Amino acid sequence: MKLVRYGQPGNEQPGLVDAKGILRSLAGHVADIDGAALAPAEIARLRKIDPTSLPSVPGHPRFGPPVARIGKIVAIGLNYSDHAAETGAALPKEPIVFMKAISSLSGPNDAIVIPRNSKKTDWEVELAFAIGRAARYVEEKDALSHVAGYMVCNDVSEREYQIERGGQWDKGKGCDSFCPLGPWLVTPDEVPDPQNLGLWLDVNGQRTQTGNTAKMIFGVAHLVSYVSQFMALLPGDIVTTGTPPGVGLGKKPPVFLKPGDEVRLGIDGLGEQRQHCIAWSSRQ
């Protein structure tokens, strides 16, 4: 099942995309695609609905983040062995955990806003997942039962803010528009192995990232278990799991995004995103 939220920012409606790619409304069946709707019993109830019984949505509406009222975004750094190598970093012995601001959320095709005075805005295609059942001190063997679904994330990053401005990574990860999610949340029954998904990203039509989640140092089940030792993962929380090689920082010389650039990215079975880069304006 592919769950979506469509409509203008702040006024998104719940829906699903059927097997033929038709967008259908879930109005009347669920108030929104939020933590409550991602509970296992609610997902099972929605799965029983015949998609052809739902009204189709005309036109081509904007897609928003596929999960509403997200409590927190937990992110994992340097989680691909080949990405760590391109940045010259040692392989982490434990997952590197940081947070992305809720205000960084955007839809999968919304613009990337280059922050004021930014010179090093970078791209990162990542597998993200949503929590459907609260996770506290979870054993790895039980971890995937807490995952409600998977989605594409672009973990947009300002490298100067992240690396050169002191402190933790958060300030380079939480700018407005730095967490496009979607286009949809794909339930686990359609993702038989989250550790065997191809990822890719293009900048201005040129392939820059190609990878597979098999290269993760710490897989999804390990991440759920690990993070749950330090904080509760609650229904509707998002975890994004790291990026494969090919980021702008790793190129020689480094290459970064600028206004007018186009970014396109996707993951096998989870859909695609497309973003136009624009300059920050005081009018925003």
C-alpha atoms as a PDB file:
ATOM      1  CA  MET A   1       0.000   0.000   0.000  1.00  0.00           C
ATOM      2  CA  LYS A   2       1.267   3.457  -0.991  1.00  0.00           C
ATOM      3  CA  LEU A   3      -0.065   6.114   1.374  1.00  0.00           C
ATOM      4  CA  VAL A   4       0.116   9.775   0.389  1.00  0.00           C
ATOM      5  CA  ARG A   5      -0.875  13.245   1.497  1.00  0.00           C
ATOM      6  CA  TYR A   6      -1.807  15.637  -1.303  1.00  0.00           C
ATOM      7  CA  GLY A   7      -2.778  19.288  -1.532  1.00  0.00           C
ATOM      8  CA  GLN A   8      -1.362  22.663  -0.651  1.00  0.00           C
ATOM      9  CA  PRO A   9       0.997  23.035   2.337  1.00  0.00           C
ATOM     10  CA  GLY A  10      -0.940  22.917   5.579  1.00  0.00           C
ATOM     11  CA  ASN A  11      -4.059  21.601   3.851  1.00  0.00           C
ATOM     12  CA  GLU A  12      -2.967  18.133   2.700  1.00  0.00           C
ATOM     13  CA  GLN A  13      -5.532  15.358   2.411  1.00  0.00           C
ATOM     14  CA  PRO A  14      -5.004  11.604   2.954  1.00  0.00           C
ATOM     15  CA  GLY A  15      -4.904   9.291  -0.009  1.00  0.00           C
ATOM     16  CA  LEU A  16      -3.353   6.249  -1.595  1.00  0.00           C
ATOM     17  CA  VAL A  17      -1.893   5.374  -4.964  1.00  0.00           C
ATOM     18  CA  ASP A  18      -3.356   2.173  -6.392  1.00  0.00           C
ATOM     19  CA  ALA A  19      -1.640  -0.554  -8.395  1.00  0.00           C
ATOM     20  CA  LYS A  20      -2.321   1.354 -11.636  1.00  0.00           C
ATOM     21  CA  GLY A  21      -0.778   4.558 -10.299  1.00  0.00           C
ATOM     22  CA  ILE A  22      -4.121   6.295  -9.778  1.00  0.00           C
ATOM     23  CA  LEU A  23      -4.305   8.712  -6.843  1.00  0.00           C
ATOM     24  CA  ARG A  24      -7.383   7.994  -4.713  1.00  0.00           C
ATOM     25  CA  SER A  25      -8.864   9.830  -1.753  1.00  0.00           C
ATOM     26  CA  LEU A  26      -9.003   8.249   1.723  1.00  0.00           C
ATOM     27  CA  ALA A  27     -11.259  11.003   3.068  1.00  0.00           C
ATOM     28  CA  GLY A  28     -13.908   9.473   5.300  1.00  0.00           C
ATOM     29  CA  HIS A  29     -11.698   6.483   6.078  1.00  0.00           C
ATOM     30  CA  VAL A  30      -8.919   8.253   7.976  1.00  0.00           C
ATOM     31  CA  ALA A  31      -8.518  11.837   9.185  1.00  0.00           C
ATOM     32  CA  ASP A  32      -4.867  12.027   8.109  1.00  0.00           C
ATOM     33  CA  ILE A  33      -1.786   9.851   7.629  1.00  0.00           C
ATOM     34  CA  ASP A  34      -0.310  10.458  11.071  1.00  0.00           C
ATOM     35  CA  GLY A  35       1.003   8.399  13.976  1.00  0.00           C
ATOM     36  CA  ALA A  36      -2.461   7.139  14.893  1.00  0.00           C
ATOM     37  CA  ALA A  37      -3.119   6.001  11.317  1.00  0.00           C
ATOM     38  CA  LEU A  38       0.197   4.138  11.212  1.00  0.00           C
ATOM     39  CA  ALA A  39      -0.676   1.775  14.074  1.00  0.00           C
ATOM     40  CA  PRO A  40      -0.615  -1.861  12.916  1.00  0.00           C
ATOM     41  CA  ALA A  41      -4.374  -2.297  13.403  1.00  0.00           C
ATOM     42  CA  GLU A  42      -5.105   0.868  11.401  1.00  0.00           C
ATOM     43  CA  ILE A  43      -2.783  -0.147   8.569  1.00  0.00           C
ATOM     44  CA  ALA A  44      -4.518  -3.539   8.473  1.00  0.00           C
ATOM     45  CA  ARG A  45      -7.916  -1.815   8.319  1.00  0.00           C
ATOM     46  CA  LEU A  46      -6.871   0.457   5.452  1.00  0.00           C
ATOM     47  CA  ARG A  47      -5.404  -2.494   3.572  1.00  0.00           C
ATOM     48  CA  LYS A  48      -8.815  -4.160   3.531  1.00  0.00           C
ATOM     49  CA  ILE A  49     -10.335  -1.284   1.556  1.00  0.00           C
ATOM     50  CA  ASP A  50     -10.807  -2.002  -2.139  1.00  0.00           C
ATOM     51  CA  PRO A  51      -8.894   0.854  -3.833  1.00  0.00           C
ATOM     52  CA  THR A  52     -11.332   0.869  -6.758  1.00  0.00           C
ATOM     53  CA  SER A  53     -14.086   1.827  -4.295  1.00  0.00           C
ATOM     54  CA  LEU A  54     -12.270   5.077  -3.490  1.00  0.00           C
ATOM     55  CA  PRO A  55     -12.824   8.227  -5.565  1.00  0.00           C
ATOM     56  CA  SER A  56      -9.973   9.144  -7.862  1.00  0.00           C
ATOM     57  CA  VAL A  57      -8.385  12.566  -7.442  1.00  0.00           C
ATOM     58  CA  PRO A  58      -8.430  14.695 -10.605  1.00  0.00           C
ATOM     59  CA  GLY A  59      -5.451  16.586 -11.960  1.00  0.00           C
ATOM     60  CA  HIS A  60      -1.948  16.490 -10.610  1.00  0.00           C
ATOM     61  CA  PRO A  61      -2.030  17.861  -7.078  1.00  0.00           C
ATOM     62  CA  ARG A  62       1.086  18.587  -5.051  1.00  0.00           C
ATOM     63  CA  PHE A  63       2.267  15.803  -2.742  1.00  0.00           C
ATOM     64  CA  GLY A  64       3.241  16.769   0.786  1.00  0.00           C
ATOM     65  CA  PRO A  65       5.302  14.758   3.263  1.00  0.00           C
ATOM     66  CA  PRO A  66       3.458  11.415   3.475  1.00  0.00           C
ATOM     67  CA  VAL A  67       3.273  11.523   7.288  1.00  0.00           C
ATOM     68  CA  ALA A  68       1.569  14.328   9.228  1.00  0.00           C
ATOM     69  CA  ARG A  69       2.393  15.712  12.681  1.00  0.00           C
ATOM     70  CA  ILE A  70       5.801  14.052  12.815  1.00  0.00           C
ATOM     71  CA  GLY A  71       7.168  14.188  16.348  1.00  0.00           C
ATOM     72  CA  LYS A  72      10.872  13.990  15.496  1.00  0.00           C
ATOM     73  CA  ILE A  73      13.251  13.198  12.686  1.00  0.00           C
ATOM     74  CA  VAL A  74      16.182  11.029  13.759  1.00  0.00           C
ATOM     75  CA  ALA A  75      18.994  10.804  11.218  1.00  0.00           C
ATOM     76  CA  ILE A  76      22.008   8.512  10.891  1.00  0.00           C
ATOM     77  CA  GLY A  77      25.348   9.710   9.541  1.00  0.00           C
ATOM     78  CA  LEU A  78      28.155   7.877   7.699  1.00  0.00           C
ATOM     79  CA  ASN A  79      26.119   4.688   7.455  1.00  0.00           C
ATOM     80  CA  TYR A  80      27.478   3.432   4.104  1.00  0.00           C
ATOM     81  CA  SER A  81      31.004   2.077   3.998  1.00  0.00           C
ATOM     82  CA  ASP A  82      31.670   3.542   0.548  1.00  0.00           C
ATOM     83  CA  HIS A  83      30.348   6.983   1.568  1.00  0.00           C
ATOM     84  CA  ALA A  84      32.576   7.025   4.653  1.00  0.00           C
ATOM     85  CA  ALA A  85      35.527   6.214   2.383  1.00  0.00           C
ATOM     86  CA  GLU A  86      34.798   9.109  -0.012  1.00  0.00           C
ATOM     87  CA  THR A  87      34.712  11.589   2.880  1.00  0.00           C
ATOM     88  CA  GLY A  88      37.899  10.185   4.427  1.00  0.00           C
ATOM     89  CA  ALA A  89      36.091   9.227   7.644  1.00  0.00           C
ATOM     90  CA  ALA A  90      36.727   6.088   9.671  1.00  0.00           C
ATOM     91  CA  LEU A  91      33.912   3.561   9.775  1.00  0.00           C
ATOM     92  CA  PRO A  92      31.771   4.271  12.842  1.00  0.00           C
ATOM     93  CA  LYS A  93      31.722   1.612  15.559  1.00  0.00           C
ATOM     94  CA  GLU A  94      28.210   2.666  16.549  1.00  0.00           C
ATOM     95  CA  PRO A  95      25.557   4.575  14.586  1.00  0.00           C
ATOM     96  CA  ILE A  96      26.133   8.337  14.422  1.00  0.00           C
ATOM     97  CA  VAL A  97      22.839   9.921  15.469  1.00  0.00           C
ATOM     98  CA  PHE A  98      21.713  13.501  14.873  1.00  0.00           C
ATOM     99  CA  MET A  99      18.364  15.275  14.518  1.00  0.00           C
ATOM    100  CA  LYS A 100      16.766  17.204  11.685  1.00  0.00           C
ATOM    101  CA  ALA A 101      14.408  20.043  12.571  1.00  0.00           C
ATOM    102  CA  ILE A 102      10.688  19.466  11.998  1.00  0.00           C
ATOM    103  CA  SER A 103      10.674  22.823  10.173  1.00  0.00           C
ATOM    104  CA  SER A 104      12.972  21.285   7.524  1.00  0.00           C
ATOM    105  CA  LEU A 105      10.144  19.037   6.251  1.00  0.00           C
ATOM    106  CA  SER A 106       8.879  19.545   2.719  1.00  0.00           C
ATOM    107  CA  GLY A 107       7.097  17.655  -0.016  1.00  0.00           C
ATOM    108  CA  PRO A 108       8.995  15.446  -2.462  1.00  0.00           C
ATOM    109  CA  ASN A 109       8.810  17.947  -5.317  1.00  0.00           C
ATOM    110  CA  ASP A 110       8.899  21.200  -3.365  1.00  0.00           C
ATOM    111  CA  ALA A 111      11.814  23.539  -4.017  1.00  0.00           C
ATOM    112  CA  ILE A 112      15.103  23.278  -2.150  1.00  0.00           C
ATOM    113  CA  VAL A 113      15.729  26.711  -0.669  1.00  0.00           C
ATOM    114  CA  ILE A 114      19.445  27.525  -0.621  1.00  0.00           C
ATOM    115  CA  PRO A 115      20.006  29.233   2.771  1.00  0.00           C
ATOM    116  CA  ARG A 116      21.093  32.861   2.904  1.00  0.00           C
ATOM    117  CA  ASN A 117      24.917  33.089   2.513  1.00  0.00           C
ATOM    118  CA  SER A 118      25.194  29.339   1.869  1.00  0.00           C
ATOM    119  CA  LYS A 119      28.049  28.179  -0.350  1.00  0.00           C
ATOM    120  CA  LYS A 120      28.014  24.428   0.376  1.00  0.00           C
ATOM    121  CA  THR A 121      24.472  23.067   0.115  1.00  0.00           C
ATOM    122  CA  ASP A 122      24.707  19.355  -0.723  1.00  0.00           C
ATOM    123  CA  TRP A 123      22.445  16.434  -1.638  1.00  0.00           C
ATOM    124  CA  GLU A 124      21.968  12.994  -0.025  1.00  0.00           C
ATOM    125  CA  VAL A 125      19.505  10.349  -1.229  1.00  0.00           C
ATOM    126  CA  GLU A 126      18.429   8.196   1.704  1.00  0.00           C
ATOM    127  CA  LEU A 127      16.025   5.462   2.725  1.00  0.00           C
ATOM    128  CA  ALA A 128      13.749   6.714   5.505  1.00  0.00           C
ATOM    129  CA  PHE A 129      11.167   4.838   7.545  1.00  0.00           C
ATOM    130  CA  ALA A 130       8.238   5.752   9.774  1.00  0.00           C
ATOM    131  CA  ILE A 131       7.483   4.236  13.153  1.00  0.00           C
ATOM    132  CA  GLY A 132       4.032   2.690  13.603  1.00  0.00           C
ATOM    133  CA  ARG A 133       4.369   1.184  17.078  1.00  0.00           C
ATOM    134  CA  ALA A 134       6.234   2.723  19.998  1.00  0.00           C
ATOM    135  CA  ALA A 135       9.768   1.355  20.377  1.00  0.00           C
ATOM    136  CA  ARG A 136      11.603   1.410  23.711  1.00  0.00           C
ATOM    137  CA  TYR A 137      14.552  -0.933  24.371  1.00  0.00           C
ATOM    138  CA  VAL A 138      13.559  -3.078  21.391  1.00  0.00           C
ATOM    139  CA  GLU A 139      15.448  -6.272  20.540  1.00  0.00           C
ATOM    140  CA  GLU A 140      16.807  -6.336  16.996  1.00  0.00           C
ATOM    141  CA  LYS A 141      14.852  -9.505  16.180  1.00  0.00           C
ATOM    142  CA  ASP A 142      11.590  -7.627  16.909  1.00  0.00           C
ATOM    143  CA  ALA A 143      12.604  -4.263  15.474  1.00  0.00           C
ATOM    144  CA  LEU A 144      10.988  -4.381  12.028  1.00  0.00           C
ATOM    145  CA  SER A 145       7.551  -4.966  13.560  1.00  0.00           C
ATOM    146  CA  HIS A 146       7.737  -1.342  14.738  1.00  0.00           C
ATOM    147  CA  VAL A 147       8.174   0.015  11.187  1.00  0.00           C
ATOM    148  CA  ALA A 148       5.003   1.274   9.492  1.00  0.00           C
ATOM    149  CA  GLY A 149       6.549   1.983   6.112  1.00  0.00           C
ATOM    150  CA  TYR A 150       9.425   3.228   3.991  1.00  0.00           C
ATOM    151  CA  MET A 151       9.991   6.310   1.865  1.00  0.00           C
ATOM    152  CA  VAL A 152      12.541   8.364  -0.058  1.00  0.00           C
ATOM    153  CA  CYS A 153      14.335  11.199   1.738  1.00  0.00           C
ATOM    154  CA  ASN A 154      16.750  13.837   0.462  1.00  0.00           C
ATOM    155  CA  ASP A 155      18.868  14.667   3.523  1.00  0.00           C
ATOM    156  CA  VAL A 156      19.871  18.081   2.177  1.00  0.00           C
ATOM    157  CA  SER A 157      22.926  19.367   4.065  1.00  0.00           C
ATOM    158  CA  GLU A 158      24.863  22.633   4.299  1.00  0.00           C
ATOM    159  CA  ARG A 159      28.436  21.391   4.744  1.00  0.00           C
ATOM    160  CA  GLU A 160      29.957  24.632   6.025  1.00  0.00           C
ATOM    161  CA  TYR A 161      27.264  24.878   8.707  1.00  0.00           C
ATOM    162  CA  GLN A 162      27.625  21.165   9.477  1.00  0.00           C
ATOM    163  CA  ILE A 163      31.413  20.864   9.630  1.00  0.00           C
ATOM    164  CA  GLU A 164      33.045  24.270   9.868  1.00  0.00           C
ATOM    165  CA  ARG A 165      30.802  26.234  12.230  1.00  0.00           C
ATOM    166  CA  GLY A 166      31.476  24.319  15.466  1.00  0.00           C
ATOM    167  CA  GLY A 167      29.210  22.083  17.520  1.00  0.00           C
ATOM    168  CA  GLN A 168      27.038  19.261  16.289  1.00  0.00           C
ATOM    169  CA  TRP A 169      25.781  18.487  12.781  1.00  0.00           C
ATOM    170  CA  ASP A 170      22.231  19.714  13.397  1.00  0.00           C
ATOM    171  CA  LYS A 171      22.757  23.306  12.214  1.00  0.00           C
ATOM    172  CA  GLY A 172      23.763  22.071   8.756  1.00  0.00           C
ATOM    173  CA  LYS A 173      20.847  19.641   8.518  1.00  0.00           C
ATOM    174  CA  GLY A 174      17.819  21.573   9.725  1.00  0.00           C
ATOM    175  CA  CYS A 175      17.394  24.503   7.336  1.00  0.00           C
ATOM    176  CA  ASP A 176      13.987  25.096   5.749  1.00  0.00           C
ATOM    177  CA  SER A 177      13.264  22.614   2.914  1.00  0.00           C
ATOM    178  CA  PHE A 178      16.167  20.321   3.912  1.00  0.00           C
ATOM    179  CA  CYS A 179      14.006  17.202   4.445  1.00  0.00           C
ATOM    180  CA  PRO A 180      11.886  16.370   1.388  1.00  0.00           C
ATOM    181  CA  LEU A 181       9.970  13.140   2.095  1.00  0.00           C
ATOM    182  CA  GLY A 182       7.904  10.958  -0.216  1.00  0.00           C
ATOM    183  CA  PRO A 183       6.251  10.847  -2.654  1.00  0.00           C
ATOM    184  CA  TRP A 184       4.522   8.127  -0.651  1.00  0.00           C
ATOM    185  CA  LEU A 185       4.918   5.874   2.363  1.00  0.00           C
ATOM    186  CA  VAL A 186       5.152   2.236   1.232  1.00  0.00           C
ATOM    187  CA  THR A 187       3.973  -0.323   3.788  1.00  0.00           C
ATOM    188  CA  PRO A 188       6.347  -3.186   4.682  1.00  0.00           C
ATOM    189  CA  ASP A 189       4.326  -5.834   2.823  1.00  0.00           C
ATOM    190  CA  GLU A 190       5.586  -4.197  -0.397  1.00  0.00           C
ATOM    191  CA  VAL A 191       9.199  -3.956   0.822  1.00  0.00           C
ATOM    192  CA  PRO A 192      10.234  -7.557   1.506  1.00  0.00           C
ATOM    193  CA  ASP A 193      13.877  -6.656   2.191  1.00  0.00           C
ATOM    194  CA  PRO A 194      14.794  -3.069   3.137  1.00  0.00           C
ATOM    195  CA  GLN A 195      18.460  -4.114   2.877  1.00  0.00           C
ATOM    196  CA  ASN A 196      18.259  -4.725  -0.859  1.00  0.00           C
ATOM    197  CA  LEU A 197      17.050  -1.463  -2.397  1.00  0.00           C
ATOM    198  CA  GLY A 198      18.830   0.506  -5.091  1.00  0.00           C
ATOM    199  CA  LEU A 199      19.214   4.268  -4.554  1.00  0.00           C
ATOM    200  CA  TRP A 200      20.186   6.964  -7.066  1.00  0.00           C
ATOM    201  CA  LEU A 201      20.368  10.738  -7.436  1.00  0.00           C
ATOM    202  CA  ASP A 202      20.926  13.030 -10.433  1.00  0.00           C
ATOM    203  CA  VAL A 203      21.942  16.698 -10.446  1.00  0.00           C
ATOM    204  CA  ASN A 204      21.076  18.570 -13.650  1.00  0.00           C
ATOM    205  CA  GLY A 205      20.582  15.249 -15.425  1.00  0.00           C
ATOM    206  CA  GLN A 206      23.956  13.795 -14.415  1.00  0.00           C
ATOM    207  CA  ARG A 207      24.040  10.702 -12.201  1.00  0.00           C
ATOM    208  CA  THR A 208      25.958  11.536  -9.021  1.00  0.00           C
ATOM    209  CA  GLN A 209      24.850   8.860  -6.548  1.00  0.00           C
ATOM    210  CA  THR A 210      24.303   5.153  -7.121  1.00  0.00           C
ATOM    211  CA  GLY A 211      24.077   2.740  -4.223  1.00  0.00           C
ATOM    212  CA  ASN A 212      22.234  -0.073  -2.522  1.00  0.00           C
ATOM    213  CA  THR A 213      20.997  -0.392   1.048  1.00  0.00           C
ATOM    214  CA  ALA A 214      22.945  -3.659   1.235  1.00  0.00           C
ATOM    215  CA  LYS A 215      25.981  -1.408   1.778  1.00  0.00           C
ATOM    216  CA  MET A 216      24.595   0.006   5.019  1.00  0.00           C
ATOM    217  CA  ILE A 217      26.935  -0.479   7.964  1.00  0.00           C
ATOM    218  CA  PHE A 218      23.924  -0.662  10.294  1.00  0.00           C
ATOM    219  CA  GLY A 219      20.678  -1.994   8.805  1.00  0.00           C
ATOM    220  CA  VAL A 220      17.141  -0.843   9.537  1.00  0.00           C
ATOM    221  CA  ALA A 221      16.480  -3.439  12.241  1.00  0.00           C
ATOM    222  CA  HIS A 222      19.713  -2.546  14.026  1.00  0.00           C
ATOM    223  CA  LEU A 223      18.896   1.176  13.848  1.00  0.00           C
ATOM    224  CA  VAL A 224      15.432   0.751  15.372  1.00  0.00           C
ATOM    225  CA  SER A 225      16.899  -1.312  18.195  1.00  0.00           C
ATOM    226  CA  TYR A 226      19.892   0.982  18.716  1.00  0.00           C
ATOM    227  CA  VAL A 227      18.029   4.302  18.749  1.00  0.00           C
ATOM    228  CA  SER A 228      15.359   2.843  21.054  1.00  0.00           C
ATOM    229  CA  GLN A 229      18.040   2.348  23.724  1.00  0.00           C
ATOM    230  CA  PHE A 230      18.496   6.126  23.950  1.00  0.00           C
ATOM    231  CA  MET A 231      15.065   7.613  23.179  1.00  0.00           C
ATOM    232  CA  ALA A 232      11.529   6.412  22.613  1.00  0.00           C
ATOM    233  CA  LEU A 233      10.593   6.085  18.955  1.00  0.00           C
ATOM    234  CA  LEU A 234       6.907   6.992  18.800  1.00  0.00           C
ATOM    235  CA  PRO A 235       4.249   6.448  16.128  1.00  0.00           C
ATOM    236  CA  GLY A 236       4.807   8.946  13.337  1.00  0.00           C
ATOM    237  CA  ASP A 237       8.500   9.500  14.090  1.00  0.00           C
ATOM    238  CA  ILE A 238      10.841   9.335  11.086  1.00  0.00           C
ATOM    239  CA  VAL A 239      14.305   7.774  10.904  1.00  0.00           C
ATOM    240  CA  THR A 240      16.486   8.450   7.877  1.00  0.00           C
ATOM    241  CA  THR A 241      19.318   6.009   7.420  1.00  0.00           C
ATOM    242  CA  GLY A 242      22.346   7.548   5.691  1.00  0.00           C
ATOM    243  CA  THR A 243      23.496   8.045   2.123  1.00  0.00           C
ATOM    244  CA  PRO A 244      25.625   6.143  -0.427  1.00  0.00           C
ATOM    245  CA  PRO A 245      28.668   7.743  -2.116  1.00  0.00           C
ATOM    246  CA  GLY A 246      28.466  10.526  -4.670  1.00  0.00           C
ATOM    247  CA  VAL A 247      27.652  13.575  -2.551  1.00  0.00           C
ATOM    248  CA  GLY A 248      28.993  16.949  -3.626  1.00  0.00           C
ATOM    249  CA  LEU A 249      31.386  17.131  -0.685  1.00  0.00           C
ATOM    250  CA  GLY A 250      33.129  13.960  -1.850  1.00  0.00           C
ATOM    251  CA  LYS A 251      33.864  15.182  -5.385  1.00  0.00           C
ATOM    252  CA  LYS A 252      37.291  16.506  -6.360  1.00  0.00           C
ATOM    253  CA  PRO A 253      36.921  19.426  -6.350  1.00  0.00           C
ATOM    254  CA  PRO A 254      33.695  19.540  -4.290  1.00  0.00           C
ATOM    255  CA  VAL A 255      30.512  20.569  -6.105  1.00  0.00           C
ATOM    256  CA  PHE A 256      27.513  22.147  -4.368  1.00  0.00           C
ATOM    257  CA  LEU A 257      23.974  23.154  -5.269  1.00  0.00           C
ATOM    258  CA  LYS A 258      23.097  26.628  -6.525  1.00  0.00           C
ATOM    259  CA  PRO A 259      19.860  28.353  -7.532  1.00  0.00           C
ATOM    260  CA  GLY A 260      18.551  26.945 -10.806  1.00  0.00           C
ATOM    261  CA  ASP A 261      19.900  23.418 -10.263  1.00  0.00           C
ATOM    262  CA  GLU A 262      17.566  20.438 -10.588  1.00  0.00           C
ATOM    263  CA  VAL A 263      17.804  17.396  -8.313  1.00  0.00           C
ATOM    264  CA  ARG A 264      16.089  14.098  -9.093  1.00  0.00           C
ATOM    265  CA  LEU A 265      16.331  11.027  -6.860  1.00  0.00           C
ATOM    266  CA  GLY A 266      14.641   7.717  -6.151  1.00  0.00           C
ATOM    267  CA  ILE A 267      14.704   4.315  -4.497  1.00  0.00           C
ATOM    268  CA  ASP A 268      13.558   1.009  -5.967  1.00  0.00           C
ATOM    269  CA  GLY A 269       9.820   0.576  -5.353  1.00  0.00           C
ATOM    270  CA  LEU A 270       9.527   3.764  -3.287  1.00  0.00           C
ATOM    271  CA  GLY A 271       9.106   6.365  -6.006  1.00  0.00           C
ATOM    272  CA  GLU A 272      10.994   9.457  -7.119  1.00  0.00           C
ATOM    273  CA  GLN A 273      11.489  13.059  -6.074  1.00  0.00           C
ATOM    274  CA  ARG A 274      12.340  16.104  -8.191  1.00  0.00           C
ATOM    275  CA  GLN A 275      13.422  19.440  -6.718  1.00  0.00           C
ATOM    276  CA  HIS A 276      14.286  22.828  -8.214  1.00  0.00           C
ATOM    277  CA  CYS A 277      16.809  24.851  -6.213  1.00  0.00           C
ATOM    278  CA  ILE A 278      15.951  28.472  -5.450  1.00  0.00           C
ATOM    279  CA  ALA A 279      17.654  31.243  -3.490  1.00  0.00           C
ATOM    280  CA  TRP A 280      16.482  32.217  -0.028  1.00  0.00           C
ATOM    281  CA  SER A 281      14.632  35.505  -0.066  1.00  0.00           C
ATOM    282  CA  SER A 282      13.700  37.864   2.756  1.00  0.00           C
ATOM    283  CA  ARG A 283      10.184  37.762   1.328  1.00  0.00           C
ATOM    284  CA  GLN A 284       9.811  34.044   2.179  1.00  0.00           C
END
